[in-house]
N, C-alpha and C. Protein backbone atom coordinates (compact mmCIF):
# COMPACT_ATOMS: atom_id res chain seq x y z
N MET A 1 90.04 108.38 134.91
CA MET A 1 89.34 108.63 133.71
C MET A 1 88.35 107.37 133.49
N VAL A 2 87.09 107.64 133.46
CA VAL A 2 86.08 106.57 133.15
C VAL A 2 85.57 106.66 131.71
N HIS A 3 85.77 105.47 131.13
CA HIS A 3 85.30 105.41 129.74
C HIS A 3 83.93 104.68 129.83
N THR A 4 82.83 105.39 129.30
CA THR A 4 81.65 104.67 129.21
C THR A 4 81.36 104.18 127.83
N PHE A 5 80.99 102.90 127.72
CA PHE A 5 80.77 102.25 126.43
C PHE A 5 79.19 102.32 126.12
N ALA A 6 79.00 102.73 124.93
CA ALA A 6 77.56 102.96 124.43
C ALA A 6 77.15 101.67 123.95
N GLU A 7 76.21 100.93 124.50
CA GLU A 7 75.61 99.65 123.91
C GLU A 7 74.82 99.96 122.74
N LEU A 8 74.63 98.99 121.80
CA LEU A 8 73.81 99.07 120.71
C LEU A 8 72.48 98.45 121.07
N VAL A 9 71.47 99.13 120.98
CA VAL A 9 70.11 98.58 121.37
C VAL A 9 69.43 98.16 120.18
N VAL A 10 68.91 97.02 120.00
CA VAL A 10 68.16 96.53 118.80
C VAL A 10 66.91 95.74 119.41
N GLY A 11 65.85 96.29 119.29
CA GLY A 11 64.71 95.53 119.67
C GLY A 11 64.62 95.31 121.22
N GLY A 12 65.20 96.21 122.06
CA GLY A 12 65.25 96.01 123.41
C GLY A 12 66.51 95.04 123.86
N VAL A 13 67.25 94.57 122.94
CA VAL A 13 68.38 93.67 123.34
C VAL A 13 69.64 94.50 123.23
N LEU A 14 70.33 94.56 124.26
CA LEU A 14 71.73 95.19 124.36
C LEU A 14 72.78 94.41 123.81
N PHE A 15 73.54 94.98 122.91
CA PHE A 15 74.71 94.37 122.22
C PHE A 15 76.08 95.10 122.78
N ALA A 16 76.96 94.38 122.93
CA ALA A 16 78.25 94.95 123.39
C ALA A 16 78.95 95.75 122.35
N PRO A 17 79.54 96.74 122.67
CA PRO A 17 80.28 97.65 121.64
C PRO A 17 81.12 96.86 120.67
N PHE A 18 81.71 95.74 121.15
CA PHE A 18 82.52 94.79 120.30
C PHE A 18 81.69 94.35 119.05
N ALA A 19 80.46 94.02 119.37
CA ALA A 19 79.62 93.52 118.21
C ALA A 19 79.48 94.63 117.20
N THR A 20 79.42 95.86 117.68
CA THR A 20 79.27 97.07 116.66
C THR A 20 80.63 97.24 116.05
N TYR A 21 81.78 96.86 116.53
CA TYR A 21 83.00 96.92 115.97
C TYR A 21 83.15 95.87 114.93
N LEU A 22 82.73 94.68 115.20
CA LEU A 22 82.72 93.54 114.28
C LEU A 22 81.93 93.85 113.00
N VAL A 23 80.86 94.41 113.14
CA VAL A 23 80.01 94.79 111.89
C VAL A 23 80.55 95.86 111.20
N ALA A 24 81.30 96.93 111.96
CA ALA A 24 81.88 98.05 111.13
C ALA A 24 83.13 97.56 110.40
N ALA A 25 83.82 96.60 111.00
CA ALA A 25 85.11 96.06 110.25
C ALA A 25 84.59 95.29 109.07
N LEU A 26 83.61 94.62 109.25
CA LEU A 26 83.12 93.81 108.11
C LEU A 26 82.56 94.61 106.89
N VAL A 27 81.93 95.86 107.33
CA VAL A 27 81.61 96.73 106.11
C VAL A 27 82.64 97.39 105.62
N LEU A 28 83.75 97.76 106.36
CA LEU A 28 84.94 98.33 105.85
C LEU A 28 85.57 97.24 104.73
N ILE A 29 85.72 96.09 105.22
CA ILE A 29 86.31 95.05 104.27
C ILE A 29 85.46 94.83 102.98
N VAL A 30 84.29 94.90 103.16
CA VAL A 30 83.28 94.69 101.96
C VAL A 30 83.57 95.87 100.98
N VAL A 31 83.69 97.02 101.48
CA VAL A 31 83.91 98.27 100.68
C VAL A 31 85.33 98.28 100.17
N LEU A 32 86.35 97.74 100.90
CA LEU A 32 87.76 97.83 100.34
C LEU A 32 88.02 96.62 99.41
N ARG A 33 87.16 95.59 99.39
CA ARG A 33 87.52 94.44 98.41
C ARG A 33 87.66 94.73 96.92
N PRO A 34 86.76 95.63 96.41
CA PRO A 34 87.04 95.96 95.01
C PRO A 34 88.27 96.65 94.81
N LEU A 35 88.73 97.59 95.68
CA LEU A 35 89.91 98.28 95.66
C LEU A 35 91.07 97.14 95.65
N LEU A 36 91.05 96.32 96.60
CA LEU A 36 92.07 95.37 96.75
C LEU A 36 92.19 94.42 95.48
N HIS A 37 91.11 94.21 94.91
CA HIS A 37 91.16 93.38 93.70
C HIS A 37 91.86 94.19 92.55
N VAL A 38 91.50 95.47 92.49
CA VAL A 38 92.30 96.30 91.40
C VAL A 38 93.74 96.34 91.67
N VAL A 39 94.13 96.57 92.94
CA VAL A 39 95.57 96.58 93.24
C VAL A 39 96.27 95.26 93.06
N GLY A 40 95.45 94.28 93.18
CA GLY A 40 96.13 92.91 93.04
C GLY A 40 96.65 92.22 94.32
N PHE A 41 95.90 92.52 95.36
CA PHE A 41 96.22 92.07 96.76
C PHE A 41 96.26 90.56 96.65
N ALA A 42 95.42 89.90 96.02
CA ALA A 42 95.32 88.32 96.08
C ALA A 42 96.67 87.76 95.49
N LYS A 43 97.25 88.47 94.48
CA LYS A 43 98.37 87.92 93.75
C LYS A 43 99.73 88.14 94.64
N MET A 44 99.55 88.91 95.56
CA MET A 44 100.87 89.13 96.56
C MET A 44 101.00 88.07 97.52
N PHE A 45 100.03 87.25 97.81
CA PHE A 45 100.14 86.31 98.84
C PHE A 45 99.78 84.94 98.32
N SER A 46 100.42 83.87 98.97
CA SER A 46 100.01 82.46 98.47
C SER A 46 98.64 82.15 98.98
N HIS A 47 98.18 82.55 100.14
CA HIS A 47 96.88 82.33 100.58
C HIS A 47 96.16 83.58 100.74
N ALA A 48 95.43 83.92 99.69
CA ALA A 48 94.76 85.32 99.74
C ALA A 48 93.71 85.35 100.81
N SER A 49 92.98 84.10 101.09
CA SER A 49 91.95 84.36 102.09
C SER A 49 92.44 84.56 103.47
N VAL A 50 93.69 83.95 103.67
CA VAL A 50 94.33 84.21 105.01
C VAL A 50 94.68 85.69 105.15
N ALA A 51 95.28 86.17 104.09
CA ALA A 51 95.77 87.58 104.07
C ALA A 51 94.58 88.47 104.32
N GLU A 52 93.38 88.29 103.61
CA GLU A 52 92.18 89.08 103.86
C GLU A 52 91.72 88.88 105.35
N LEU A 53 91.63 87.77 105.79
CA LEU A 53 91.31 87.63 107.17
C LEU A 53 92.18 88.33 108.06
N SER A 54 93.49 88.33 107.92
CA SER A 54 94.37 89.14 108.67
C SER A 54 94.16 90.66 108.58
N LEU A 55 93.83 91.14 107.29
CA LEU A 55 93.37 92.49 107.13
C LEU A 55 92.04 92.88 108.01
N TYR A 56 91.30 91.80 108.03
CA TYR A 56 90.02 92.04 108.66
C TYR A 56 90.36 92.32 110.27
N VAL A 57 91.10 91.39 110.79
CA VAL A 57 91.55 91.43 112.20
C VAL A 57 92.24 92.66 112.47
N THR A 58 93.09 93.18 111.56
CA THR A 58 93.89 94.36 111.74
C THR A 58 92.99 95.62 111.96
N ILE A 59 91.99 95.60 110.96
CA ILE A 59 91.00 96.66 110.88
C ILE A 59 90.13 96.69 112.28
N LEU A 60 89.73 95.46 112.69
CA LEU A 60 88.99 95.23 113.88
C LEU A 60 89.77 95.86 115.13
N SER A 61 91.05 95.37 115.16
CA SER A 61 91.89 95.84 116.28
C SER A 61 91.98 97.31 116.22
N LEU A 62 92.19 98.10 115.08
CA LEU A 62 92.27 99.46 114.95
C LEU A 62 91.04 100.05 115.53
N LEU A 63 89.81 99.53 115.14
CA LEU A 63 88.55 100.06 115.67
C LEU A 63 88.52 100.08 117.15
N VAL A 64 88.90 98.83 117.72
CA VAL A 64 88.86 98.77 119.21
C VAL A 64 89.74 99.65 119.87
N LEU A 65 91.04 99.86 119.31
CA LEU A 65 91.85 100.80 119.97
C LEU A 65 91.50 102.26 119.81
N LEU A 66 91.01 102.71 118.75
CA LEU A 66 90.65 104.02 118.34
C LEU A 66 89.27 104.52 119.19
N PHE A 67 88.43 103.64 119.25
CA PHE A 67 87.03 103.95 119.89
C PHE A 67 86.83 103.38 121.18
């Protein structure tokens, strides 16, 4: 089974699919931040920024595994 990766082309420059996943994960985190604030995500952890970074890495990993 061969999996072909579709590169993102911007202005004639080819970007690896991982770059697309990075941007997609960032967009998802930006969309989720207000919801996380309402739920009190920052109050659950002693270092909220590290927890948010871990959530970003988790979402990025899921994107890589699923697509």
